[in-house]
Amino acid sequence: MKTLISWILNINVLPWEGHSPESLKKLRAILDKEFEYVDNELSTMGFKNVVKRSQLKIGRSKLKSRFLVGRTKCPINIEPTHWEKLKVYWSKPETKKKVNQMTNV
């Protein structure tokens, strides 16, 4: 499922509003088939929680850790253009400052 989410959604976009409605609809249809709720679709809140927990938070955190230790080659489950945007974002001085502030709390 993690690979599926990263291929359908642009994981360098965090707000829901930033994702294309077509991508969200496609992912929603796939996840509804994945989860076995007899005659019931996954609720909107359930859908968002699945996506957030499985890729947008946990997966992105793992990718960031990988990048910070110097592994800059694009992982096979990520679109190369998305990976490049993430690397640019994580390399910005203001992003590094934010990380340092969060780890010193």
Protein backbone atom coordinates (compact mmCIF):
# COMPACT_ATOMS: atom_id res chain seq x y z
CA MET A 1 0.00 0.00 0.00
CA LYS A 2 2.87 2.42 0.74
CA THR A 3 4.18 2.09 -2.79
CA LEU A 4 0.71 2.52 -4.21
CA ILE A 5 0.12 5.78 -2.33
CA SER A 6 3.46 7.27 -3.32
CA TRP A 7 2.80 6.52 -7.00
CA ILE A 8 -0.71 8.01 -7.01
CA LEU A 9 -0.19 11.04 -4.77
CA ASN A 10 2.58 13.60 -4.95
CA ILE A 11 4.09 13.11 -1.50
CA ASN A 12 5.92 16.43 -1.51
CA VAL A 13 2.46 18.06 -1.20
CA LEU A 14 1.15 17.90 2.35
CA PRO A 15 -2.22 19.73 2.36
CA TRP A 16 -5.19 17.78 0.99
CA GLU A 17 -6.13 20.77 -1.11
CA GLY A 18 -2.84 20.48 -2.99
CA HIS A 19 -3.64 17.04 -4.42
CA SER A 20 -5.59 16.61 -7.61
CA PRO A 21 -9.18 15.45 -7.06
CA GLU A 22 -8.67 12.77 -9.73
CA SER A 23 -5.70 11.28 -7.86
CA LEU A 24 -7.60 11.26 -4.57
CA LYS A 25 -10.61 9.64 -6.23
CA LYS A 26 -8.44 6.97 -7.85
CA LEU A 27 -6.64 6.20 -4.59
CA ARG A 28 -9.92 6.15 -2.67
CA ALA A 29 -11.39 3.58 -5.06
CA ILE A 30 -8.34 1.35 -4.71
CA LEU A 31 -8.30 1.60 -0.90
CA ASP A 32 -12.03 0.84 -0.72
CA LYS A 33 -11.29 -2.45 -2.50
CA GLU A 34 -8.27 -3.12 -0.27
CA PHE A 35 -10.18 -2.90 3.01
CA GLU A 36 -12.86 -5.47 3.62
CA TYR A 37 -15.85 -3.54 4.90
CA VAL A 38 -18.79 -5.60 3.74
CA ASP A 39 -21.17 -3.31 1.82
CA ASN A 40 -19.51 -0.22 3.33
CA GLU A 41 -16.94 2.11 1.87
CA LEU A 42 -14.10 3.56 3.91
CA SER A 43 -15.25 6.80 5.56
CA THR A 44 -13.65 10.09 4.53
CA MET A 45 -11.91 10.33 7.88
CA GLY A 46 -10.77 6.72 7.63
CA PHE A 47 -9.44 7.32 4.12
CA LYS A 48 -7.44 10.37 5.21
CA ASN A 49 -6.06 8.50 8.23
CA VAL A 50 -4.93 5.56 6.09
CA VAL A 51 -3.13 7.88 3.70
CA LYS A 52 -1.56 10.02 6.43
CA ARG A 53 -0.35 7.09 8.49
CA SER A 54 0.88 4.95 5.64
CA GLN A 55 2.75 7.43 3.49
CA LEU A 56 2.39 11.11 4.06
CA LYS A 57 3.82 10.97 7.57
CA ILE A 58 5.64 7.70 8.19
CA GLY A 59 6.86 7.18 4.65
CA ARG A 60 7.95 10.77 4.21
CA SER A 61 9.82 10.62 7.50
CA LYS A 62 11.68 7.50 6.38
CA LEU A 63 12.56 9.13 3.07
CA LYS A 64 13.83 12.20 4.88
CA SER A 65 16.03 10.08 7.18
CA ARG A 66 17.42 8.31 4.14
CA PHE A 67 18.23 11.66 2.51
CA LEU A 68 19.82 13.12 5.66
CA VAL A 69 22.30 10.25 5.94
CA GLY A 70 23.47 10.91 2.38
CA ARG A 71 21.44 8.39 0.37
CA THR A 72 20.30 10.72 -2.42
CA LYS A 73 19.45 8.20 -5.15
CA CYS A 74 15.71 8.13 -5.90
CA PRO A 75 13.93 5.17 -4.25
CA ILE A 76 12.14 2.88 -6.70
CA ASN A 77 8.71 3.53 -5.17
CA ILE A 78 8.86 7.32 -5.65
CA GLU A 79 8.38 9.34 -8.80
CA PRO A 80 11.77 10.90 -9.68
CA THR A 81 10.29 14.40 -10.04
CA HIS A 82 8.74 14.14 -6.56
CA TRP A 83 12.06 12.95 -5.12
CA GLU A 84 13.90 15.91 -6.64
CA LYS A 85 11.39 18.35 -5.13
CA LEU A 86 11.74 16.72 -1.72
CA LYS A 87 15.54 16.94 -1.89
CA VAL A 88 15.35 20.64 -2.74
CA TYR A 89 12.93 21.25 0.14
CA TRP A 90 15.02 19.31 2.68
CA SER A 91 18.17 21.16 1.58
CA LYS A 92 16.77 24.65 2.22
CA PRO A 93 18.38 26.48 5.17
CA GLU A 94 14.99 27.32 6.69
CA THR A 95 13.97 23.65 6.61
CA LYS A 96 17.23 22.62 8.30
CA LYS A 97 16.68 25.32 10.94
CA LYS A 98 13.18 24.01 11.59
CA VAL A 99 14.53 20.45 12.01
CA ASN A 100 17.14 21.65 14.49
CA GLN A 101 14.53 23.54 16.50
CA MET A 102 12.28 20.48 16.63
CA THR A 103 15.07 18.17 17.78
CA ASN A 104 16.19 20.56 20.51
CA VAL A 105 12.75 20.73 22.15
